[in-house]
Every structure is written in structure tokens, then in C-alpha cells.
Amino acid sequence: LPTPTIDNINTLEDRLLRLLRSEQRSSTLCFRYNDLCALDTIQVDLEPEKKGIIIRHVEYAITSMRQNNKVLRRYNDFVALHELLTLKYPYRIIPMLPPKKTVNVDKEFIEERRRALKRYIQILCRHPTISDTEIIKFFLTFRGESCGDNMKATYKNTLDEFSSEPRSLLNTNDNTDKFGEDSDGIKIFRISQTHMSFIHQQLSHIRECLISIHDKHSKNADDFTNIEKTFQALSSESTNIDRWATGSNDYWPTIQVGLADLPIEMSAISERIHEQCKRDDEVISDHLDMLIDLLQGYKDLCKRFEEALLSEQKAIQKANNQQQRRPTITTDTSTKVKAN
């Protein structure tokens, strides 16, 4: 009999994930990290500054591998995108935008905001649901003036993704139990919320430690650069030394020859430390900061859910109170009719 063959476990897993995605099971996590990265890759670069009448304008060149396109965007265009996506996807993870600043804008702030905007749009373009929305496509492909204003005008009447779902009845005891604090769903939500908040807190602490280490290493590199300059000054010092100061000792010129080789070594050490700092900085920005941004987006999602849950509970309570008052009103009316 022929020997049965079994595919590689990774191949079987890929088939299972494709099957789950084809069935569109919204409650199943059927994307791995590599699958999400394959959805799109975004590059955000700074364009030369343009000075306005009052303040200067900073533009960002957005390149999308999926759309095979490059466009220029300003910070306000990102704000318009954020507002539209928050309205359309109130119960999806939407990362926070970096803060806006109009005064004392230096190169360090601009570079930090560029990295934050790159993480922001990267997360959105790798979201299994949000990445396919027309709003994202418009943002990445529109080439006219005022992208943000045109985007708002185009999608101003867009409803949230659950607006077409049938609303549950608010006057049933089942729904009251469903949204109660003691329900299983809410308990699971609270546990998950606490767990994610803890992870966010710990990773933020790790980031602070890494930034502190990075700053110390940068200072060490600068110190080696200063040592290099000091050795250069010593080796190139050309003062004529009188015998009165040195006597019969003629070693100083020989020492200077030896010192002339040290600046090269100090420069190499400084350069290696700077390169390592740059790599560490990229790791922090491209990986750790993105994870922290995702967790912050999850915390914001939990906050929106809690607000919606509170609103739903108030609506249910109001409906139940109205339902309880109706028999009383009917009884009072019947009594008055009999009396007449």
C-alpha cells in the first residue's frame, strides 16, 4: 500500500486560516503577524518645508506598496482621516494621532511626529477590516488639493459599519441580563481590559528604560568624539619647547607621534556607538512604539465601548421604567371609567 503523506504543519495552518477568512468569521482571529504585514507597507518621508503666510507647512510623502502610489499629505489630512474612521469604525482599534504643535516646532519634534504618523497609517493599512475601506484608499491615492476637505465632503454621510444591523429590543429581561455587569461577556471584557492595561503599563516602562539607555549611549558617543578632538589638539600642538622646561628630555615629539593615531580609534568607537544607537532607535520606534500604540488604541476602544454600554444600559432602564408605568396608567383609567 502507498505510504500516506502529510503536508507541512505550516501549510496546513495556512489552509485553515484561508478557510476561516473565506467564511468571514468576524469573531475569529485568523491573521498572523506576517499576514498582516503582507497587507501593505507604508513609508512616510519628510518633504522640504513650505513657508506659509504665518507658519511654515510640513508635508509628508506617503508611499503605499499596495496602492503602488505616492502622495503628499499634511497633518490636517491625517486629522480628517482619523475623524472619518472613528465615526465609521467606533468599535475597532483606531490608534491615536500624535499631538499637533504650532509653536516652537524644531527638527526633533518634526522627526518624532513623522515616525508617529508612519506607525499610525501603518497600523490602519494592516488592519484586516479598515485597510479595505474606501476612505483609506482615498487617502492613499487622491492627488488633488486639500485632501482632508475633499475626503470629508466625499464620506460625510458614511454610517458606521454596524448601522445596518437590526437593533435589539430594549424592553426584554434577556437584554437587561445581557448588558448587566454580572454577565459573562462583561466579565470577560473587564478581565481583558485589565490585562491589556497592565501590558501597556509595563511596556511603557520598558520603553522609558530603553530611552534612558539610548540617551546614555548617545552621550558616550559624544564623549568619545570630544576625546578624539582632544587627542588631535595634543598631537598637532607645535609650541617650541625650550630646554629650560624639558631639560635633556626629548620624548614629547615622540609622544605626539603616538597620540596622532588615537583620534582615528576614538572616531571609530564613536561612529560604532552612534550606529548602534540608530539601530536601537529604529527598533524602539518601528516595533516597541507600534505595539504600545496598538495597546493604547485598545484602551481607547475599551473606553468607547464602556461609554456605549452605559448609554445602552440607560436606554434599557428607561424602556423598562416606561413599561412598568403602563399597567398603572391603565388601571387608573379603568377605575375612573367604572366610577363614572
Protein backbone atom coordinates (compact mmCIF):
# COMPACT_ATOMS: atom_id res chain seq x y z
CA LEU A 1 0.00 0.00 0.00
CA PRO A 2 1.21 3.52 -0.71
CA THR A 3 2.52 5.45 2.28
CA PRO A 4 0.21 8.40 3.10
CA THR A 5 1.88 11.80 3.06
CA ILE A 6 1.03 14.70 5.30
CA ASP A 7 1.72 18.28 4.33
CA ASN A 8 3.94 20.50 6.38
CA ILE A 9 2.18 21.80 9.51
CA ASN A 10 2.68 25.39 8.32
CA THR A 11 0.96 24.59 5.03
CA LEU A 12 -1.99 23.07 6.87
CA GLU A 13 -2.18 26.11 9.11
CA ASP A 14 -2.20 28.42 6.08
CA ARG A 15 -5.06 26.46 4.56
CA LEU A 16 -7.04 26.65 7.79
CA LEU A 17 -6.55 30.41 8.01
CA ARG A 18 -7.63 30.91 4.41
CA LEU A 19 -10.71 28.80 5.09
CA LEU A 20 -11.60 30.86 8.16
CA ARG A 21 -11.13 34.12 6.25
CA SER A 22 -13.28 32.87 3.37
CA GLU A 23 -16.08 32.11 5.80
CA GLN A 24 -15.77 35.67 7.20
CA ARG A 25 -15.98 34.69 10.80
CA SER A 26 -15.74 38.10 12.40
CA SER A 27 -15.18 36.65 15.86
CA THR A 28 -12.20 34.51 14.81
CA LEU A 29 -8.64 35.85 14.78
CA CYS A 30 -7.45 34.37 11.50
CA PHE A 31 -4.47 36.60 10.69
CA ARG A 32 -0.91 36.10 11.82
CA TYR A 33 1.61 38.92 12.09
CA ASN A 34 3.21 38.07 8.74
CA ASP A 35 -0.22 38.01 7.12
CA LEU A 36 -0.95 41.49 8.41
CA CYS A 37 2.44 42.81 7.29
CA ALA A 38 1.73 41.46 3.81
CA LEU A 39 -1.41 43.62 3.52
CA ASP A 40 0.63 46.77 2.93
CA THR A 41 3.91 48.51 3.68
CA ILE A 42 3.88 52.26 4.19
CA GLN A 43 6.78 54.67 4.00
CA VAL A 44 6.47 58.21 5.34
CA ASP A 45 9.17 60.74 4.43
CA LEU A 46 9.53 64.44 5.08
CA GLU A 47 9.21 66.82 2.17
CA PRO A 48 11.10 70.15 2.05
CA GLU A 49 9.32 72.68 4.24
CA LYS A 50 7.00 75.26 2.71
CA LYS A 51 6.54 78.57 4.47
CA GLY A 52 3.04 79.89 4.76
CA ILE A 53 1.86 83.42 5.50
CA ILE A 54 2.04 82.90 9.26
CA ILE A 55 3.57 79.50 9.92
CA ARG A 56 5.54 77.02 7.90
CA HIS A 57 3.92 73.91 6.49
CA VAL A 58 5.29 70.41 6.85
CA GLU A 59 4.31 67.88 4.20
CA TYR A 60 4.79 64.12 4.28
CA ALA A 61 5.36 61.86 1.30
CA ILE A 62 3.21 58.76 1.79
CA THR A 63 4.19 55.70 -0.24
CA SER A 64 1.94 52.63 -0.30
CA MET A 65 3.21 49.33 -1.67
CA ARG A 66 -0.33 48.00 -2.05
CA GLN A 67 -1.61 51.02 -3.96
CA ASN A 68 1.72 51.44 -5.76
CA ASN A 69 1.35 55.17 -5.27
CA LYS A 70 2.98 58.17 -3.64
CA VAL A 71 1.11 61.23 -2.41
CA LEU A 72 1.80 64.31 -0.30
CA ARG A 73 -0.18 64.85 2.87
CA ARG A 74 -0.28 67.41 5.68
CA TYR A 75 -1.05 66.80 9.33
CA ASN A 76 -4.61 68.13 8.92
CA ASP A 77 -5.25 65.44 6.30
CA PHE A 78 -4.41 62.82 8.94
CA VAL A 79 -6.83 64.55 11.32
CA ALA A 80 -9.64 64.31 8.74
CA LEU A 81 -8.82 60.64 8.17
CA HIS A 82 -8.90 59.95 11.90
CA GLU A 83 -12.28 61.64 12.35
CA LEU A 84 -13.89 59.70 9.49
CA LEU A 85 -12.50 56.34 10.59
CA THR A 86 -13.56 56.90 14.20
CA LEU A 87 -17.11 57.56 13.03
CA LYS A 88 -17.21 54.58 10.67
CA TYR A 89 -15.42 52.14 12.98
CA PRO A 90 -16.31 53.11 16.56
CA TYR A 91 -15.67 49.56 17.78
CA ARG A 92 -12.38 48.89 16.02
CA ILE A 93 -8.88 49.72 17.20
CA ILE A 94 -8.01 53.18 15.88
CA PRO A 95 -4.55 54.34 17.04
CA MET A 96 -4.05 57.81 18.48
CA LEU A 97 -2.75 60.64 16.35
CA PRO A 98 0.43 62.37 17.52
CA PRO A 99 -0.27 65.80 19.06
CA LYS A 100 -0.40 68.97 16.98
CA LYS A 101 2.06 71.74 17.72
CA THR A 102 2.20 75.18 16.09
CA VAL A 103 4.88 76.93 18.15
CA ASN A 104 8.48 76.01 18.92
CA VAL A 105 8.44 73.30 16.26
CA ASP A 106 12.00 72.02 15.96
CA LYS A 107 13.55 69.28 13.83
CA GLU A 108 13.41 66.77 16.68
CA PHE A 109 9.65 67.24 17.09
CA ILE A 110 9.05 67.01 13.34
CA GLU A 111 11.04 63.77 13.09
CA GLU A 112 9.25 62.26 16.09
CA ARG A 113 5.87 63.15 14.59
CA ARG A 114 6.90 61.68 11.22
CA ARG A 115 7.65 58.38 12.92
CA ALA A 116 4.37 58.50 14.84
CA LEU A 117 2.39 59.21 11.66
CA LYS A 118 4.13 56.32 9.94
CA ARG A 119 3.13 53.97 12.76
CA TYR A 120 -0.41 55.37 12.67
CA ILE A 121 -1.02 54.82 8.96
CA GLN A 122 0.88 51.52 9.03
CA ILE A 123 -1.46 50.12 11.69
CA LEU A 124 -4.53 51.23 9.72
CA CYS A 125 -3.27 49.82 6.42
CA ARG A 126 -2.54 46.48 8.07
CA HIS A 127 -5.91 46.22 9.80
CA PRO A 128 -7.86 43.31 8.20
CA THR A 129 -11.07 45.36 8.01
CA ILE A 130 -10.07 49.02 7.94
CA SER A 131 -7.42 48.50 5.25
CA ASP A 132 -10.13 47.65 2.69
CA THR A 133 -12.27 50.73 3.29
CA GLU A 134 -12.66 53.32 0.54
CA ILE A 135 -11.60 56.04 2.99
CA ILE A 136 -8.11 54.57 3.29
CA LYS A 137 -7.87 54.13 -0.48
CA PHE A 138 -8.92 57.76 -0.99
CA PHE A 139 -6.29 58.97 1.47
CA LEU A 140 -3.53 56.99 -0.24
CA THR A 141 -4.46 57.83 -3.85
CA PHE A 142 -6.14 61.26 -4.01
CA ARG A 143 -3.92 63.76 -5.85
CA GLY A 144 -5.93 66.98 -5.76
CA GLU A 145 -5.69 69.92 -3.38
CA SER A 146 -6.97 69.77 0.20
CA CYS A 147 -7.20 66.00 0.59
CA GLY A 148 -8.77 66.30 4.05
CA ASP A 149 -11.58 68.61 2.96
CA ASN A 150 -12.36 66.53 -0.14
CA MET A 151 -12.32 63.35 1.90
CA LYS A 152 -14.79 64.80 4.42
CA ALA A 153 -17.07 66.01 1.64
CA THR A 154 -16.99 62.62 -0.08
CA TYR A 155 -17.67 60.50 3.01
CA LYS A 156 -19.60 62.92 5.23
CA ASN A 157 -22.75 60.76 5.11
CA THR A 158 -20.94 57.48 5.76
CA LEU A 159 -22.59 55.49 8.54
CA ASP A 160 -20.77 53.28 10.99
CA GLU A 161 -20.27 49.67 9.99
CA PHE A 162 -22.96 48.37 12.34
CA SER A 163 -25.67 50.86 11.39
CA SER A 164 -27.39 48.30 9.15
CA GLU A 165 -27.53 45.70 11.91
CA PRO A 166 -31.03 45.18 13.40
CA ARG A 167 -31.31 46.81 16.80
CA SER A 168 -32.21 44.52 19.65
CA LEU A 169 -35.36 45.13 21.62
CA LEU A 170 -34.69 47.20 24.69
CA ASN A 171 -37.68 46.07 26.78
CA THR A 172 -36.77 42.42 27.39
CA ASN A 173 -35.32 40.96 30.52
CA ASP A 174 -32.84 38.96 28.40
CA ASN A 175 -31.20 42.16 27.21
CA THR A 176 -31.06 43.51 30.73
CA ASP A 177 -29.15 40.43 31.78
CA LYS A 178 -27.02 40.61 28.63
CA PHE A 179 -25.69 44.06 29.41
CA GLY A 180 -25.52 43.66 33.16
CA GLU A 181 -22.20 43.90 34.98
CA ASP A 182 -22.58 40.28 36.13
CA SER A 183 -22.94 38.84 32.60
CA ASP A 184 -20.21 36.53 31.31
CA GLY A 185 -19.43 38.81 28.36
CA ILE A 186 -18.83 41.84 30.57
CA LYS A 187 -16.71 39.81 32.99
CA ILE A 188 -14.52 38.64 30.11
CA PHE A 189 -14.27 42.21 28.84
CA ARG A 190 -13.19 43.50 32.26
CA ILE A 191 -10.52 40.81 32.58
CA SER A 192 -9.20 41.53 29.10
CA GLN A 193 -9.24 45.28 29.72
CA THR A 194 -7.26 44.91 32.95
CA HIS A 195 -4.79 42.52 31.32
CA MET A 196 -4.13 44.79 28.33
CA SER A 197 -3.78 47.86 30.55
CA PHE A 198 -1.18 46.02 32.62
CA ILE A 199 0.79 45.05 29.50
CA HIS A 200 0.59 48.63 28.22
CA GLN A 201 1.88 49.97 31.50
CA GLN A 202 4.80 47.53 31.66
CA LEU A 203 5.84 48.06 28.04
CA SER A 204 5.70 51.82 28.54
CA HIS A 205 8.04 51.40 31.49
CA ILE A 206 10.38 49.28 29.38
CA ARG A 207 10.36 51.99 26.74
CA GLU A 208 11.35 54.62 29.30
CA CYS A 209 14.29 52.44 30.40
CA LEU A 210 15.38 51.86 26.80
CA ILE A 211 15.19 55.57 26.04
CA SER A 212 17.32 56.27 29.12
CA ILE A 213 19.90 53.70 27.97
CA HIS A 214 19.80 55.15 24.46
CA ASP A 215 20.45 58.67 25.79
CA LYS A 216 23.39 57.43 27.87
CA HIS A 217 24.91 55.66 24.86
CA SER A 218 24.47 58.79 22.75
CA LYS A 219 26.27 60.79 25.42
CA ASN A 220 29.07 58.20 25.46
CA ALA A 221 29.46 58.58 21.71
CA ASP A 222 29.66 62.35 22.10
CA ASP A 223 32.27 61.92 24.84
CA PHE A 224 34.43 59.78 22.56
CA THR A 225 34.13 62.48 19.90
CA ASN A 226 35.37 65.05 22.41
CA ILE A 227 38.28 62.75 23.35
CA GLU A 228 39.10 62.47 19.66
CA LYS A 229 39.28 66.25 19.33
CA THR A 230 41.44 66.47 22.45
CA PHE A 231 43.94 63.95 21.10
CA GLN A 232 44.01 65.82 17.81
CA ALA A 233 44.85 69.03 19.64
CA LEU A 234 47.61 67.34 21.63
CA SER A 235 49.16 65.62 18.61
CA SER A 236 49.13 68.79 16.50
CA GLU A 237 50.45 71.13 19.21
CA SER A 238 53.52 72.90 17.75
CA THR A 239 54.86 75.11 20.55
CA ASN A 240 58.64 75.39 20.56
CA ILE A 241 59.75 73.90 23.87
CA ASP A 242 62.82 75.40 25.49
CA ARG A 243 65.42 73.23 27.15
CA TRP A 244 64.74 75.15 30.34
CA ALA A 245 61.32 73.37 30.58
CA THR A 246 62.33 69.86 29.49
CA GLY A 247 66.00 69.62 30.27
CA SER A 248 67.55 66.78 28.32
CA ASN A 249 64.17 65.02 27.84
CA ASP A 250 63.18 64.92 24.13
CA TYR A 251 60.28 62.49 24.45
CA TRP A 252 57.39 64.93 23.75
CA PRO A 253 57.67 64.81 19.90
CA THR A 254 57.72 61.01 20.10
CA ILE A 255 54.64 61.04 22.34
CA GLN A 256 52.87 63.29 19.84
CA VAL A 257 53.52 60.76 17.07
CA GLY A 258 51.81 58.10 19.19
CA LEU A 259 48.91 60.42 20.04
CA ALA A 260 48.31 61.10 16.34
CA ASP A 261 46.93 57.55 15.88
CA LEU A 262 44.47 57.74 18.78
CA PRO A 263 41.91 60.14 17.19
CA ILE A 264 41.27 57.52 14.48
CA GLU A 265 40.47 54.91 17.13
CA MET A 266 38.26 57.30 19.09
CA SER A 267 36.38 58.29 15.92
CA ALA A 268 35.76 54.64 15.06
CA ILE A 269 34.42 53.91 18.56
CA SER A 270 32.16 56.96 18.44
CA GLU A 271 30.86 56.01 14.99
CA ARG A 272 30.06 52.43 16.07
CA ILE A 273 28.19 53.65 19.14
CA HIS A 274 26.20 56.12 17.02
CA GLU A 275 25.31 53.34 14.56
CA GLN A 276 24.17 51.09 17.39
CA CYS A 277 22.11 53.95 18.85
CA LYS A 278 20.49 54.45 15.47
CA ARG A 279 19.61 50.75 15.21
CA ASP A 280 18.23 50.75 18.76
CA ASP A 281 16.21 53.85 17.98
CA GLU A 282 14.71 52.18 14.92
CA VAL A 283 13.81 49.10 16.94
CA ILE A 284 12.10 51.24 19.58
CA SER A 285 10.22 53.30 17.01
CA ASP A 286 9.29 50.60 14.50
CA HIS A 287 8.43 47.78 16.88
CA LEU A 288 8.01 48.69 20.54
CA ASP A 289 6.31 52.03 19.91
CA MET A 290 3.96 50.41 17.39
CA LEU A 291 2.96 47.78 19.93
CA ILE A 292 2.40 50.50 22.54
CA ASP A 293 0.31 52.47 20.03
CA LEU A 294 -1.79 49.37 19.39
CA LEU A 295 -2.35 48.82 23.11
CA GLN A 296 -3.28 52.48 23.56
CA GLY A 297 -5.74 52.07 20.70
CA TYR A 298 -7.19 49.06 22.51
CA LYS A 299 -7.57 51.12 25.70
CA ASP A 300 -9.36 53.84 23.75
CA LEU A 301 -11.60 51.19 22.18
CA CYS A 302 -12.48 49.91 25.67
CA LYS A 303 -13.36 53.44 26.72
CA ARG A 304 -15.69 53.88 23.72
CA PHE A 305 -17.27 50.51 24.47
CA GLU A 306 -17.87 51.47 28.10
CA GLU A 307 -19.50 54.72 27.04
CA ALA A 308 -21.74 52.88 24.56
CA LEU A 309 -22.52 50.24 27.18
CA LEU A 310 -23.52 52.90 29.71
CA SER A 311 -25.74 54.57 27.10
CA GLU A 312 -27.33 51.22 26.26
CA GLN A 313 -27.98 50.44 29.91
CA LYS A 314 -29.65 53.81 30.40
CA ALA A 315 -31.85 53.19 27.36
CA ILE A 316 -32.83 49.74 28.65
CA GLN A 317 -33.60 51.15 32.10
CA LYS A 318 -35.70 53.91 30.58
CA ALA A 319 -37.63 51.43 28.43
CA ASN A 320 -38.25 49.15 31.41
CA ASN A 321 -39.50 52.07 33.54
CA GLN A 322 -41.92 53.08 30.81
CA GLN A 323 -43.16 49.51 30.52
CA GLN A 324 -43.72 49.30 34.29
CA ARG A 325 -45.71 52.55 34.32
CA ARG A 326 -48.11 51.45 31.60
CA PRO A 327 -50.15 48.94 33.75
CA THR A 328 -50.55 51.59 36.45
CA ILE A 329 -51.86 54.11 33.96
CA THR A 330 -54.27 51.50 32.52
CA THR A 331 -55.56 50.59 35.99
CA ASP A 332 -56.16 54.23 36.93
CA THR A 333 -58.07 54.82 33.69
CA SER A 334 -60.27 51.74 34.21
CA THR A 335 -61.11 52.84 37.76
CA LYS A 336 -62.22 56.27 36.55
CA VAL A 337 -64.44 54.72 33.84
CA LYS A 338 -66.17 52.44 36.37
CA ALA A 339 -66.73 55.33 38.75
CA ASN A 340 -68.42 57.36 36.04
